Protein backbone atom coordinates (compact mmCIF):
# COMPACT_ATOMS: atom_id res chain seq x y z
CA MET A 1 -15.96 -8.57 -3.93
CA VAL A 2 -14.37 -8.30 -7.38
CA LYS A 3 -11.92 -10.91 -8.60
CA ALA A 4 -8.22 -10.12 -8.87
CA ASP A 5 -5.63 -11.64 -11.16
CA GLU A 6 -2.58 -13.62 -10.06
CA ARG A 7 -0.71 -10.39 -9.30
CA GLY A 8 -3.48 -9.06 -7.06
CA LYS A 9 -4.91 -6.53 -9.55
CA MET A 10 -8.65 -5.99 -9.88
CA ILE A 11 -10.05 -7.50 -13.09
CA PRO A 12 -12.18 -4.80 -14.82
CA GLU A 13 -14.20 -7.40 -16.75
CA ASP A 14 -15.26 -9.02 -13.49
CA LEU A 15 -16.12 -5.61 -12.05
CA GLU A 16 -18.45 -5.07 -14.99
CA ARG A 17 -19.95 -8.52 -14.42
CA GLN A 18 -20.47 -7.97 -10.69
CA ILE A 19 -22.20 -4.64 -11.31
CA SER A 20 -24.55 -6.24 -13.84
CA LEU A 21 -25.32 -9.11 -11.45
CA ALA A 22 -26.01 -6.70 -8.60
CA LYS A 23 -28.39 -4.64 -10.72
CA ALA A 24 -30.18 -7.78 -11.88
CA GLU A 25 -30.78 -8.67 -8.23
CA GLY A 26 -32.31 -5.25 -7.59
CA ALA A 27 -29.30 -3.80 -5.78
CA VAL A 28 -27.97 -0.30 -6.50
CA PRO A 29 -24.18 -0.20 -6.79
CA PHE A 30 -22.86 3.29 -6.05
CA LEU A 31 -19.12 3.06 -5.29
CA VAL A 32 -16.10 1.14 -6.53
CA SER A 33 -13.03 1.02 -4.29
CA ALA A 34 -9.81 0.42 -6.24
CA THR A 35 -6.32 0.13 -4.76
CA SER A 36 -2.99 1.65 -5.70
CA GLY A 37 -0.42 -0.35 -3.78
CA THR A 38 -1.96 -3.34 -1.99
CA THR A 39 -0.63 -4.22 1.44
CA VAL A 40 0.89 -7.61 0.68
CA LEU A 41 1.81 -7.83 -3.00
CA GLY A 42 2.05 -4.10 -3.71
CA ALA A 43 -0.38 -4.35 -6.63
CA PHE A 44 -1.74 -1.37 -8.57
CA ASP A 45 -5.23 -1.78 -10.00
CA PRO A 46 -5.74 -0.76 -13.68
CA LEU A 47 -7.40 2.56 -12.91
CA GLU A 48 -8.12 3.69 -16.48
CA ALA A 49 -10.15 0.56 -17.24
CA ILE A 50 -11.89 0.69 -13.87
CA ALA A 51 -12.71 4.37 -14.39
CA ASP A 52 -14.27 3.50 -17.75
CA VAL A 53 -16.59 1.03 -16.02
CA CYS A 54 -17.47 3.55 -13.30
CA GLN A 55 -18.15 6.27 -15.85
CA HIS A 56 -20.39 3.94 -17.88
CA HIS A 57 -22.50 3.06 -14.83
CA GLY A 58 -22.34 6.42 -13.06
CA LEU A 59 -20.49 5.07 -10.01
CA TRP A 60 -18.25 6.93 -7.58
CA LEU A 61 -14.62 5.80 -7.98
CA HIS A 62 -12.58 5.79 -4.79
CA VAL A 63 -8.87 4.91 -4.91
CA ASP A 64 -7.15 3.62 -1.80
CA ALA A 65 -3.68 5.00 -2.53
CA ALA A 66 -2.67 5.05 1.13
CA TRP A 67 0.44 3.01 0.37
CA GLY A 68 1.13 3.71 -3.30
CA GLY A 69 -0.04 7.30 -3.71
CA SER A 70 3.40 8.77 -3.05
CA VAL A 71 4.64 7.12 -6.26
CA LEU A 72 3.02 10.07 -8.09
CA LEU A 73 6.00 12.16 -6.95
CA SER A 74 8.32 10.05 -9.12
CA GLN A 75 8.49 10.87 -12.81
CA THR A 76 9.98 7.41 -13.37
CA HIS A 77 7.31 5.33 -11.65
CA ARG A 78 4.14 7.43 -11.64
CA HIS A 79 2.76 5.47 -14.60
CA LEU A 80 1.68 2.86 -12.04
CA LEU A 81 -1.13 5.25 -11.05
CA ALA A 82 -2.25 6.13 -14.59
CA GLY A 83 -5.93 7.07 -14.42
CA ILE A 84 -5.98 8.22 -10.80
CA GLN A 85 -6.89 11.71 -12.02
CA ARG A 86 -10.31 10.28 -12.92
CA ALA A 87 -11.08 9.24 -9.33
CA ASP A 88 -13.78 10.97 -7.29
CA SER A 89 -11.83 10.47 -4.08
CA VAL A 90 -8.35 9.32 -3.11
CA ALA A 91 -6.92 8.25 0.25
CA TRP A 92 -3.19 8.91 0.71
CA ASN A 93 -0.84 8.30 3.65
CA PRO A 94 2.40 10.29 3.36
CA HIS A 95 3.52 8.66 6.62
CA LYS A 96 4.03 5.42 4.70
CA LEU A 97 6.31 5.60 1.67
CA LEU A 98 7.41 9.20 2.31
CA SER A 99 8.07 8.51 6.01
CA ALA A 100 6.27 11.62 7.23
CA GLY A 101 5.67 11.67 10.98
CA LEU A 102 2.84 9.45 12.18
CA GLN A 103 0.11 10.03 11.49
CA CYS A 104 -0.23 11.89 8.22
CA SER A 105 -3.29 10.91 6.20
CA ALA A 106 -5.21 12.74 3.50
CA LEU A 107 -8.56 12.32 1.80
CA LEU A 108 -8.59 14.11 -1.54
CA LEU A 109 -11.90 14.88 -3.24
CA ARG A 110 -12.75 15.97 -6.76
CA ASP A 111 -15.95 17.54 -5.38
CA THR A 112 -15.96 21.35 -4.97
CA SER A 113 -19.39 21.69 -3.32
CA ASN A 114 -18.11 21.41 0.27
CA LEU A 115 -19.31 17.81 0.36
CA LEU A 116 -17.58 16.89 3.62
CA LYS A 117 -19.23 19.73 5.49
CA ARG A 118 -22.62 18.87 4.02
CA CYS A 119 -22.14 15.27 5.17
CA HIS A 120 -20.55 15.78 8.58
CA GLY A 121 -21.07 19.40 9.60
CA SER A 122 -23.26 19.96 12.65
CA GLN A 123 -22.49 23.67 13.21
CA ALA A 124 -22.40 23.03 16.95
CA SER A 125 -22.83 26.47 18.50
CA TYR A 126 -20.52 25.64 21.40
CA LEU A 127 -17.66 24.89 18.98
CA PHE A 128 -18.19 26.60 15.63
CA GLN A 129 -19.93 29.92 16.20
CA GLN A 130 -21.31 31.35 12.97
CA ASP A 131 -21.06 35.03 13.99
CA LYS A 132 -17.27 35.30 14.31
CA PHE A 133 -15.43 38.30 12.95
CA TYR A 134 -13.60 36.19 10.33
CA ASP A 135 -14.75 33.91 7.52
CA VAL A 136 -16.19 30.88 9.33
CA ALA A 137 -15.32 28.72 6.31
CA LEU A 138 -11.84 28.66 7.86
CA ASP A 139 -13.19 26.45 10.66
CA THR A 140 -12.44 23.22 8.82
CA GLY A 141 -12.97 21.07 11.93
CA ASP A 142 -16.69 20.92 11.17
CA LYS A 143 -15.95 18.89 8.03
CA VAL A 144 -14.61 15.76 9.68
CA VAL A 145 -16.07 12.90 11.69
CA GLN A 146 -13.54 13.48 14.47
CA CYS A 147 -13.73 16.85 16.18
CA GLY A 148 -10.29 16.88 17.78
CA ARG A 149 -7.40 15.71 15.67
CA ARG A 150 -3.80 16.61 14.97
CA VAL A 151 -2.85 18.87 12.10
CA ASP A 152 -1.62 16.16 9.73
CA CYS A 153 -1.04 18.55 6.83
CA LEU A 154 1.59 20.49 8.79
CA LYS A 155 3.87 17.42 8.87
CA LEU A 156 3.64 17.01 5.10
CA TRP A 157 4.09 20.74 4.48
CA LEU A 158 7.21 20.96 6.66
CA MET A 159 8.76 17.86 5.09
CA TRP A 160 8.00 19.12 1.58
CA LYS A 161 9.54 22.52 2.38
CA ALA A 162 12.65 20.83 3.78
CA GLN A 163 13.12 18.15 1.10
CA GLY A 164 11.58 19.87 -1.91
CA GLY A 165 9.76 18.07 -4.70
CA GLN A 166 13.00 16.66 -6.07
CA GLY A 167 14.05 15.45 -2.63
CA LEU A 168 10.81 13.54 -2.16
CA GLU A 169 11.10 12.14 -5.67
CA ARG A 170 14.60 10.86 -4.85
CA ARG A 171 13.19 9.24 -1.71
CA VAL A 172 10.63 7.30 -3.78
CA ASP A 173 13.12 6.38 -6.51
CA GLN A 174 15.66 5.21 -3.94
CA ALA A 175 13.09 2.85 -2.43
CA PHE A 176 12.40 1.34 -5.86
CA ALA A 177 16.13 1.01 -6.57
CA LEU A 178 16.83 -0.72 -3.25
CA ALA A 179 13.92 -3.10 -3.75
CA ARG A 180 15.32 -4.00 -7.17
CA TYR A 181 18.78 -4.53 -5.65
CA LEU A 182 17.30 -6.88 -3.05
CA VAL A 183 15.48 -8.85 -5.74
CA GLU A 184 18.62 -9.29 -7.84
CA GLU A 185 20.73 -10.33 -4.84
CA LEU A 186 18.03 -12.72 -3.69
CA LYS A 187 18.07 -14.46 -7.06
CA LYS A 188 21.79 -15.17 -6.72
CA ARG A 189 21.43 -17.12 -3.47
CA GLU A 190 20.42 -20.72 -2.94
CA GLY A 191 17.37 -21.12 -0.76
CA PHE A 192 15.60 -17.89 -1.68
CA GLU A 193 12.58 -17.91 -3.98
CA LEU A 194 10.49 -14.96 -5.13
CA VAL A 195 6.73 -15.20 -4.81
CA MET A 196 6.54 -12.95 -7.89
CA GLU A 197 8.50 -10.19 -9.57
CA PRO A 198 7.55 -7.02 -7.67
CA GLU A 199 6.35 -3.89 -9.41
CA PHE A 200 6.49 -1.86 -6.19
CA VAL A 201 8.72 -1.95 -3.11
CA ASN A 202 7.02 -5.01 -1.55
CA VAL A 203 9.50 -7.85 -2.04
CA CYS A 204 7.74 -11.14 -1.27
CA PHE A 205 9.84 -14.29 -1.01
CA TRP A 206 10.31 -17.64 0.65
CA PHE A 207 13.41 -18.78 2.47
CA VAL A 208 13.69 -22.49 1.72
CA PRO A 209 15.88 -24.11 4.39
CA PRO A 210 18.42 -26.83 3.55
CA SER A 211 16.08 -29.67 4.60
CA LEU A 212 13.45 -28.63 2.01
CA ARG A 213 15.61 -27.76 -0.98
CA GLY A 214 14.89 -29.93 -4.00
CA LYS A 215 11.80 -31.42 -2.36
CA LYS A 216 9.06 -29.24 -3.88
CA GLU A 217 7.28 -32.35 -5.19
CA SER A 218 6.91 -33.82 -1.69
CA PRO A 219 3.25 -33.99 -0.58
CA ASP A 220 3.99 -32.16 2.69
CA TYR A 221 6.30 -29.53 1.15
CA SER A 222 3.84 -26.64 1.40
CA GLU A 223 2.90 -27.49 4.98
CA ARG A 224 6.53 -27.71 6.10
CA LEU A 225 7.50 -24.54 4.21
CA SER A 226 4.67 -22.65 5.91
CA LYS A 227 6.31 -23.31 9.30
CA VAL A 228 9.67 -21.80 8.32
CA ALA A 229 8.78 -18.10 8.36
CA PRO A 230 7.21 -18.16 11.87
CA ILE A 231 10.28 -19.92 13.26
CA LEU A 232 12.68 -17.46 11.65
CA LYS A 233 10.54 -14.51 12.79
CA GLU A 234 10.75 -15.74 16.39
CA ARG A 235 14.50 -16.21 16.13
CA MET A 236 15.17 -12.75 14.69
CA VAL A 237 12.97 -11.10 17.32
CA ARG A 238 14.57 -12.97 20.20
CA LYS A 239 18.02 -12.11 18.85
CA GLY A 240 16.97 -8.52 18.22
CA SER A 241 18.65 -8.41 14.82
CA MET A 242 15.77 -7.29 12.59
CA MET A 243 12.01 -7.35 12.11
CA ILE A 244 10.24 -8.30 8.89
CA GLY A 245 6.70 -9.52 8.36
CA TYR A 246 5.33 -12.73 6.90
CA GLN A 247 1.90 -14.01 5.91
CA PRO A 248 0.12 -16.57 3.75
CA HIS A 249 -1.76 -15.32 0.70
CA GLY A 250 -4.58 -17.37 -0.76
CA PRO A 251 -3.14 -20.81 -1.50
CA LEU A 252 0.46 -19.65 -0.95
CA SER A 253 2.34 -20.79 2.13
CA ASN A 254 3.74 -18.26 4.61
CA PHE A 255 6.28 -16.03 2.90
CA PHE A 256 8.31 -13.02 3.97
CA ARG A 257 7.32 -9.53 2.86
CA MET A 258 10.20 -7.10 2.94
CA VAL A 259 8.89 -3.57 2.45
CA VAL A 260 11.68 -1.23 1.37
CA ALA A 261 10.48 2.20 2.48
CA ASN A 262 12.83 3.57 5.14
CA PRO A 263 14.93 6.29 3.41
CA ALA A 264 17.87 5.45 5.70
CA LEU A 265 18.19 1.91 4.30
CA THR A 266 21.24 1.03 2.21
CA ARG A 267 22.45 -1.86 0.07
CA ALA A 268 24.40 -3.07 3.11
CA ASP A 269 21.09 -3.46 4.95
CA MET A 270 19.72 -5.58 2.12
CA ASP A 271 22.82 -7.77 2.26
CA PHE A 272 22.46 -8.07 6.04
CA LEU A 273 18.84 -9.18 5.65
CA LEU A 274 19.77 -12.06 3.36
CA ASN A 275 22.83 -13.05 5.40
CA GLU A 276 20.84 -13.04 8.63
CA LEU A 277 18.08 -15.23 7.22
CA GLU A 278 20.69 -17.72 6.00
CA TRP A 279 22.30 -17.75 9.45
CA LEU A 280 19.02 -18.08 11.35
CA GLY A 281 17.75 -20.86 9.11
CA GLN A 282 20.88 -22.91 8.52
CA ASP A 283 19.77 -25.74 10.84
CA LEU A 284 16.20 -26.05 9.55
């Protein structure tokens, strides 16, 4: 494990330290897994600095960009992934931010030596005959751990053909814009408190009910606040009005995590979210 800062970003200096400690203990580090778009806070690791460390020590750099990889399609926000071109492998889920049909996942490799086939290929004669009349390199199924799987790339290809590069870019930019709108509206209302200023579309916040406002110095404040989100989640589910997640994070009490990704969302939906939380929590 490598330490992260208060925003959830990997600290390159600690990565360097952990590698040195591991080597001193006789271990052989071989891979660093960085993240572009963490699940809770939406953090983007500093890939350039991490790549420098990996290059210095000869380590494979993998980037988990399952959530944040689609940001590359936005000219405005792609700087968040600066350095990802130096990765040896990247995981990307277009079914997340781009809303491609489930499931649509990609593993991108810098390697050009047919690494996946060398690792996973079994050339099973009952599946992948080597004496076919066409180029057997087209039988890509022998590259993957699973034999039978859906053609994920077709979903991305069809969506890209329909929306175009600019259409997908607008989809990403719209998500960022709506997340920013939610943040600004949240700041105007009593009882809402940001966990931190978001850099992605994960908006993390507390709803502080009337009974807890102005009582942050109380010894049981954190414990009582932690019970608010589960109660409101139950109420919204039973009412059937909406569904948003919550979780604790390290020392932080349960907070809501509104992920603005659905391209059909509007500002009216953001307003409804805040109004509904106020209504559901007015008696707490």
